[in-house]
Amino acid sequence: MNFKFLYVLFLALISQCVLSQEGIPVYSDYLSDNLYLVHPSMAGASNANKIRLTARKQWFDVSNAPNLQTLNVNFRLGEKSGMGAIMYRDENGRFSQTGFYLTYAYHLLFSRDRTDLNMLSFGLSAGFIQSNLDIRGLDDPVDPDPVILDRVQKDGYYNVDFGMSYHFLEWYAHFTVKNILPTTRDIFDNNTPIQESDNQRRYLFSLGYLLSLNESWSLEPSILYQATDETQESTIDANLKVYREFGFGTLWGGLSYRRSFDGAEFSQDGTTVESQRLQYFTPFLGVNYKKWLVGYTYSYQSNSVVLDNGGFHQITLGYDFGKRKERWNCKCPAVNSKN
């Protein structure tokens, strides 16, 4: 067995993997009242300050399966400014990254008064990310190759995200560019032929509307489109969220469907080449009780060829505090805290 060849192949595969999800991966967090985690312009946009904690685990029966933990807080600062901070830890096999972001947002009100929602927001996040690649144990212990170093390769770097949001009564739209700065990491610099691109940019656009059926029931259809600049990969989420109002708070849930526009080719018999596009079905459920939020998300990959049949589980915990007196005169839960 040529261990040097396997080592180079391993780095090539992991390089492609981490390139496609540089920074915080975008899953379905935003559907659990966690929009700031995706869009920096949502820092301080609500009439309540928010803390959100998430834990995500994939494929419980797969060793070293991907897992992600995030903690973020965002709040209003004065009449028009918002601030936020995010910490996260993302692990995927031998690759892991830990990051910290600070955000400043500015909110322009075009309303006739404080209760009539017509707001344009801008947000800028600056982040520091520490990437680790564990290449220990890849070499042949009997005949070691000097090219393959038995160590954990590390690299730290900075990047910037920018976003815009617009809210008009029950309508909303968001646009965000992640990883704006060209960045070349030295984490794969072990005298291998791998050259990583410095273009980590990712674009996200979302649009939604909340339809009030009566005093108790509401529907919120929305979409989220994201595209990676370097690899030209793109996906779209089609979401439907349902709200039911109670005296104690709000029960909500729904379904999200993610579809990739790019197909991957594969062969199961060695002769016939087939193609499949990534697709996820994600049911989610949660409750807002007084100032607390609890949400659960389950994602299932519906493809003929998958690594494992197990799903993707995520729990979200939240707490709203320091609510301002004004409530917008609309059913717009992303910016209108009930309690």
Protein backbone atom coordinates (compact mmCIF):
# COMPACT_ATOMS: atom_id res chain seq x y z
CA MET A 1 0.00 0.00 0.00
CA ASN A 2 1.37 3.41 -1.00
CA PHE A 3 0.76 5.49 2.13
CA LYS A 4 2.05 8.65 0.51
CA PHE A 5 -0.57 8.28 -2.21
CA LEU A 6 -3.29 7.69 0.37
CA TYR A 7 -2.14 10.71 2.34
CA VAL A 8 -2.30 13.00 -0.70
CA LEU A 9 -5.70 11.58 -1.62
CA PHE A 10 -6.94 12.17 1.93
CA LEU A 11 -5.82 15.81 1.89
CA ALA A 12 -7.46 16.36 -1.49
CA LEU A 13 -10.77 15.01 -0.23
CA ILE A 14 -10.73 16.92 3.04
CA SER A 15 -9.68 20.11 1.25
CA GLN A 16 -12.73 19.94 -1.00
CA CYS A 17 -14.92 19.20 2.02
CA VAL A 18 -13.84 22.15 4.12
CA LEU A 19 -13.78 24.50 1.13
CA SER A 20 -17.48 23.95 0.60
CA GLN A 21 -18.40 24.86 4.20
CA GLU A 22 -15.83 27.42 5.28
CA GLY A 23 -17.02 29.33 8.32
CA ILE A 24 -20.29 28.33 9.98
CA PRO A 25 -22.17 25.80 7.82
CA VAL A 26 -25.66 26.94 6.81
CA TYR A 27 -28.18 24.31 7.86
CA SER A 28 -31.75 25.05 9.00
CA ASP A 29 -30.92 27.10 12.10
CA TYR A 30 -32.67 30.17 10.72
CA LEU A 31 -36.04 28.38 10.90
CA SER A 32 -35.74 28.22 14.72
CA ASP A 33 -35.76 32.01 15.20
CA ASN A 34 -31.98 32.12 14.76
CA LEU A 35 -31.60 34.42 11.76
CA TYR A 36 -28.61 36.29 13.15
CA LEU A 37 -26.51 33.12 12.90
CA VAL A 38 -26.90 33.36 9.10
CA HIS A 39 -27.44 37.08 8.42
CA PRO A 40 -25.30 39.68 10.31
CA SER A 41 -27.83 42.43 9.49
CA MET A 42 -30.26 40.80 11.95
CA ALA A 43 -28.14 41.77 14.97
CA GLY A 44 -30.41 43.89 17.15
CA ALA A 45 -33.24 43.90 14.59
CA SER A 46 -35.79 42.51 17.04
CA ASN A 47 -37.54 44.40 19.81
CA ALA A 48 -35.92 41.94 22.24
CA ASN A 49 -32.32 40.94 22.82
CA LYS A 50 -31.65 37.28 22.02
CA ILE A 51 -29.38 34.42 23.10
CA ARG A 52 -29.33 31.23 21.04
CA LEU A 53 -27.48 27.95 21.67
CA THR A 54 -27.47 25.11 19.13
CA ALA A 55 -26.04 21.59 19.08
CA ARG A 56 -26.07 19.49 15.89
CA LYS A 57 -24.99 15.88 15.46
CA GLN A 58 -24.99 13.79 12.27
CA TRP A 59 -25.00 10.00 11.90
CA PHE A 60 -24.85 8.74 15.49
CA ASP A 61 -23.56 5.35 14.35
CA VAL A 62 -20.68 6.78 12.26
CA SER A 63 -17.32 7.38 13.93
CA ASN A 64 -16.08 11.00 13.87
CA ALA A 65 -19.30 12.15 12.22
CA PRO A 66 -19.83 15.88 11.66
CA ASN A 67 -21.05 17.88 14.65
CA LEU A 68 -21.54 21.58 15.26
CA GLN A 69 -22.13 23.75 18.33
CA THR A 70 -22.90 27.47 18.24
CA LEU A 71 -23.60 30.18 20.80
CA ASN A 72 -24.69 33.67 19.82
CA VAL A 73 -26.12 36.80 21.36
CA ASN A 74 -27.43 39.94 19.67
CA PHE A 75 -28.99 43.09 21.06
CA ARG A 76 -30.05 46.64 20.23
CA LEU A 77 -27.62 49.44 21.10
CA GLY A 78 -29.36 52.81 21.08
CA GLU A 79 -32.07 53.72 18.59
CA LYS A 80 -30.49 52.48 15.35
CA SER A 81 -27.49 50.28 16.15
CA GLY A 82 -27.23 46.59 16.93
CA MET A 83 -24.40 44.40 18.19
CA GLY A 84 -23.82 40.67 18.19
CA ALA A 85 -21.27 37.94 18.90
CA ILE A 86 -20.99 34.32 17.75
CA MET A 87 -18.82 31.45 18.96
CA TYR A 88 -18.83 28.06 17.26
CA ARG A 89 -17.08 24.71 17.03
CA ASP A 90 -17.38 22.58 13.88
CA GLU A 91 -15.88 19.08 13.58
CA ASN A 92 -15.85 16.82 10.53
CA GLY A 93 -13.64 13.74 10.85
CA ARG A 94 -10.01 14.84 11.08
CA PHE A 95 -10.85 18.45 10.27
CA SER A 96 -12.17 20.94 12.84
CA GLN A 97 -12.53 24.67 13.17
CA THR A 98 -13.30 27.03 16.03
CA GLY A 99 -14.43 30.58 15.35
CA PHE A 100 -15.51 33.84 16.94
CA TYR A 101 -17.40 36.70 15.24
CA LEU A 102 -18.25 40.24 16.32
CA THR A 103 -21.03 42.10 14.50
CA TYR A 104 -22.19 45.67 14.13
CA ALA A 105 -25.54 46.40 12.48
CA TYR A 106 -27.31 49.63 11.55
CA HIS A 107 -31.09 49.85 11.20
CA LEU A 108 -32.79 52.55 9.14
CA LEU A 109 -36.45 53.13 9.96
CA PHE A 110 -38.71 54.48 7.22
CA SER A 111 -41.83 54.04 9.35
CA ARG A 112 -44.27 56.80 10.23
CA ASP A 113 -43.81 55.77 13.86
CA ARG A 114 -42.13 53.04 15.93
CA THR A 115 -45.02 50.57 15.52
CA ASP A 116 -45.27 50.61 11.71
CA LEU A 117 -42.55 48.26 10.45
CA ASN A 118 -40.56 49.50 7.46
CA MET A 119 -36.88 48.87 8.17
CA LEU A 120 -33.70 48.48 6.14
CA SER A 121 -30.74 46.94 7.99
CA PHE A 122 -27.02 46.55 7.28
CA GLY A 123 -24.65 44.28 9.16
CA LEU A 124 -20.90 43.64 9.14
CA SER A 125 -19.24 40.73 10.96
CA ALA A 126 -15.50 40.30 11.51
CA GLY A 127 -14.39 36.82 12.50
CA PHE A 128 -11.32 34.91 13.56
CA ILE A 129 -11.20 31.18 12.70
CA GLN A 130 -8.77 28.52 13.90
CA SER A 131 -8.58 25.48 11.58
CA ASN A 132 -7.06 22.15 12.63
CA LEU A 133 -6.20 19.14 10.47
CA ASP A 134 -5.21 15.98 12.35
CA ILE A 135 -2.86 13.90 10.17
CA ARG A 136 -1.55 11.73 12.98
CA GLY A 137 -1.62 8.01 12.34
CA LEU A 138 -1.77 8.25 8.54
CA ASP A 139 1.79 7.09 7.93
CA ASP A 140 3.08 3.52 7.75
CA PRO A 141 4.61 2.80 11.22
CA VAL A 142 6.95 0.15 9.76
CA ASP A 143 8.28 2.21 6.84
CA PRO A 144 7.53 5.88 7.67
CA ASP A 145 7.59 8.46 4.90
CA PRO A 146 9.40 11.72 5.87
CA VAL A 147 6.89 13.71 3.80
CA ILE A 148 4.03 12.68 6.08
CA LEU A 149 4.41 14.47 9.40
CA ASP A 150 2.76 13.00 12.49
CA ARG A 151 1.12 16.13 13.82
CA VAL A 152 -1.95 18.37 13.96
CA GLN A 153 -1.60 21.14 11.38
CA LYS A 154 -3.11 24.45 12.47
CA ASP A 155 -3.83 27.80 10.90
CA GLY A 156 -5.65 30.90 12.11
CA TYR A 157 -7.03 33.64 9.90
CA TYR A 158 -9.56 36.45 9.67
CA ASN A 159 -12.51 37.10 7.39
CA VAL A 160 -15.54 39.37 7.01
CA ASP A 161 -19.26 38.83 6.31
CA PHE A 162 -21.66 41.53 5.11
CA GLY A 163 -25.46 41.44 4.98
CA MET A 164 -28.59 43.47 4.25
CA SER A 165 -32.15 42.89 5.45
CA TYR A 166 -35.44 44.57 4.62
CA HIS A 167 -38.65 44.23 6.63
CA PHE A 168 -41.96 45.68 5.50
CA LEU A 169 -44.87 44.60 7.69
CA GLU A 170 -45.15 40.80 7.15
CA TRP A 171 -42.64 40.73 4.25
CA TYR A 172 -38.89 40.25 4.66
CA ALA A 173 -35.79 39.69 2.53
CA HIS A 174 -32.13 39.07 3.38
CA PHE A 175 -28.93 39.10 1.34
CA THR A 176 -25.55 38.10 2.80
CA VAL A 177 -22.03 37.62 1.45
CA LYS A 178 -19.82 35.41 3.61
CA ASN A 179 -16.01 35.20 3.58
CA ILE A 180 -15.50 38.37 1.54
CA LEU A 181 -11.72 38.58 1.96
CA PRO A 182 -9.45 36.38 -0.19
CA THR A 183 -7.88 33.89 2.20
CA THR A 184 -5.29 31.19 1.59
CA ARG A 185 -4.83 28.87 4.54
CA ASP A 186 -1.51 27.14 5.20
CA ILE A 187 -3.14 24.14 6.80
CA PHE A 188 -2.45 21.95 3.74
CA ASP A 189 1.18 23.08 3.24
CA ASN A 190 2.85 19.73 3.96
CA ASN A 191 4.86 19.60 0.70
CA THR A 192 1.89 18.13 -1.14
CA PRO A 193 0.64 19.09 -4.61
CA ILE A 194 -2.63 20.43 -3.21
CA GLN A 195 -3.28 24.10 -3.93
CA GLU A 196 -6.28 25.61 -2.17
CA SER A 197 -8.13 28.53 -3.71
CA ASP A 198 -8.21 31.81 -1.79
CA ASN A 199 -11.85 32.37 -2.80
CA GLN A 200 -14.12 31.21 0.04
CA ARG A 201 -17.04 33.53 -0.79
CA ARG A 202 -20.61 32.34 -0.36
CA TYR A 203 -23.82 34.22 -1.26
CA LEU A 204 -27.16 33.81 0.49
CA PHE A 205 -30.55 35.26 -0.38
CA SER A 206 -33.81 34.60 1.43
CA LEU A 207 -37.37 35.84 1.01
CA GLY A 208 -40.49 35.19 3.05
CA TYR A 209 -43.96 36.31 4.05
CA LEU A 210 -46.15 35.60 7.08
CA LEU A 211 -49.81 34.96 6.23
CA SER A 212 -52.25 35.37 9.11
CA LEU A 213 -55.17 32.92 8.85
CA ASN A 214 -56.90 34.09 12.04
CA GLU A 215 -55.99 35.19 15.55
CA SER A 216 -54.47 31.81 16.38
CA TRP A 217 -52.98 30.39 13.17
CA SER A 218 -50.34 31.77 10.80
CA LEU A 219 -48.38 30.37 7.84
CA GLU A 220 -44.91 31.48 6.79
CA PRO A 221 -43.65 30.30 3.38
CA SER A 222 -40.03 31.21 2.61
CA ILE A 223 -37.05 30.31 0.45
CA LEU A 224 -33.29 30.47 0.95
CA TYR A 225 -30.84 30.29 -1.96
CA GLN A 226 -27.10 29.91 -1.41
CA ALA A 227 -24.22 29.70 -3.87
CA THR A 228 -20.48 29.09 -3.48
CA ASP A 229 -18.38 31.32 -5.72
CA GLU A 230 -15.32 29.12 -6.37
CA THR A 231 -17.03 25.77 -6.95
CA GLN A 232 -20.20 27.23 -8.53
CA GLU A 233 -22.32 24.98 -6.28
CA SER A 234 -25.79 26.19 -5.35
CA THR A 235 -28.80 24.97 -3.37
CA ILE A 236 -32.28 26.23 -2.58
CA ASP A 237 -34.48 25.69 0.49
CA ALA A 238 -38.26 25.73 0.20
CA ASN A 239 -39.82 26.16 3.65
CA LEU A 240 -43.26 26.24 5.20
CA LYS A 241 -43.59 27.19 8.86
CA VAL A 242 -46.82 27.11 10.87
CA TYR A 243 -47.55 29.11 14.05
CA ARG A 244 -50.24 28.39 16.65
CA GLU A 245 -50.82 31.00 19.35
CA PHE A 246 -51.70 29.95 22.90
CA GLY A 247 -52.06 31.83 26.15
CA PHE A 248 -48.67 30.61 27.37
CA GLY A 249 -46.81 31.36 24.13
CA THR A 250 -46.42 30.08 20.58
CA LEU A 251 -46.11 26.56 19.21
CA TRP A 252 -44.47 26.38 15.79
CA GLY A 253 -43.26 23.77 13.33
CA GLY A 254 -42.97 22.99 9.67
CA LEU A 255 -41.04 21.36 6.87
CA SER A 256 -38.00 22.41 4.83
CA TYR A 257 -36.82 20.87 1.56
CA ARG A 258 -33.27 21.51 0.33
CA ARG A 259 -32.28 20.70 -3.24
CA SER A 260 -28.94 21.07 -4.96
CA PHE A 261 -28.76 22.41 -8.51
CA ASP A 262 -25.58 20.40 -9.13
CA GLY A 263 -25.52 16.65 -9.69
CA ALA A 264 -22.81 14.22 -8.57
CA GLU A 265 -21.96 11.26 -10.80
CA PHE A 266 -21.49 7.75 -9.39
CA SER A 267 -21.52 4.10 -10.42
CA GLN A 268 -22.85 1.18 -8.40
CA ASP A 269 -21.86 -1.61 -10.78
CA GLY A 270 -18.66 -0.15 -12.19
CA THR A 271 -20.07 0.35 -15.69
CA THR A 272 -23.27 2.40 -15.54
CA VAL A 273 -22.77 6.04 -14.60
CA GLU A 274 -25.64 7.65 -12.72
CA SER A 275 -26.21 11.12 -11.31
CA GLN A 276 -27.95 12.37 -8.19
CA ARG A 277 -28.60 15.77 -6.64
CA LEU A 278 -28.33 16.39 -2.94
CA GLN A 279 -31.71 16.71 -1.25
CA TYR A 280 -32.78 17.00 2.38
CA PHE A 281 -36.16 16.84 4.06
CA THR A 282 -36.15 18.69 7.39
CA PRO A 283 -39.16 18.67 9.70
CA PHE A 284 -38.82 20.97 12.71
CA LEU A 285 -40.82 21.76 15.84
CA GLY A 286 -40.49 24.25 18.66
CA VAL A 287 -42.17 26.41 21.26
CA ASN A 288 -41.78 29.94 22.63
CA TYR A 289 -42.74 29.89 26.30
CA LYS A 290 -42.57 33.30 27.93
CA LYS A 291 -38.96 34.38 27.32
CA TRP A 292 -37.69 30.90 26.45
CA LEU A 293 -37.39 29.03 23.17
CA VAL A 294 -36.84 25.30 22.58
CA GLY A 295 -36.60 23.81 19.10
CA TYR A 296 -35.78 20.46 17.52
CA THR A 297 -34.77 19.84 13.90
CA TYR A 298 -34.34 16.53 12.10
CA SER A 299 -32.84 16.34 8.59
CA TYR A 300 -33.05 13.26 6.38
CA GLN A 301 -30.97 12.92 3.22
CA SER A 302 -33.18 11.45 0.53
CA ASN A 303 -30.72 10.05 -2.02
CA SER A 304 -30.10 6.58 -3.42
CA VAL A 305 -26.41 6.66 -2.41
CA VAL A 306 -25.69 7.99 1.10
CA LEU A 307 -22.95 7.48 3.68
CA ASP A 308 -25.44 6.42 6.33
CA ASN A 309 -29.22 6.13 6.68
CA GLY A 310 -29.18 7.96 10.00
CA GLY A 311 -30.45 11.50 10.19
CA PHE A 312 -29.15 14.86 11.35
CA HIS A 313 -30.37 15.99 14.76
CA GLN A 314 -30.24 19.53 16.12
CA ILE A 315 -31.49 21.15 19.32
CA THR A 316 -31.87 24.91 19.74
CA LEU A 317 -32.26 26.70 23.08
CA GLY A 318 -33.01 30.40 23.29
CA TYR A 319 -33.73 33.19 25.73
CA ASP A 320 -35.09 36.70 25.03
CA PHE A 321 -34.29 39.52 27.43
CA GLY A 322 -34.36 43.29 27.76
CA LYS A 323 -37.44 43.70 25.57
CA ARG A 324 -38.25 47.27 24.56
CA LYS A 325 -41.79 48.51 25.12
CA GLU A 326 -42.71 48.99 21.47
CA ARG A 327 -44.16 46.16 19.40
CA TRP A 328 -44.44 46.41 15.65
CA ASN A 329 -48.00 46.51 14.38
CA CYS A 330 -47.63 43.30 12.35
CA LYS A 331 -47.27 39.56 12.69
CA CYS A 332 -43.52 39.41 12.13
CA PRO A 333 -42.04 37.02 14.73
CA ALA A 334 -38.44 37.50 13.66
CA VAL A 335 -38.47 41.08 14.99
CA ASN A 336 -41.53 41.02 17.25
CA SER A 337 -40.98 39.29 20.58
CA LYS A 338 -44.31 38.41 22.20
CA ASN A 339 -43.23 38.35 25.86
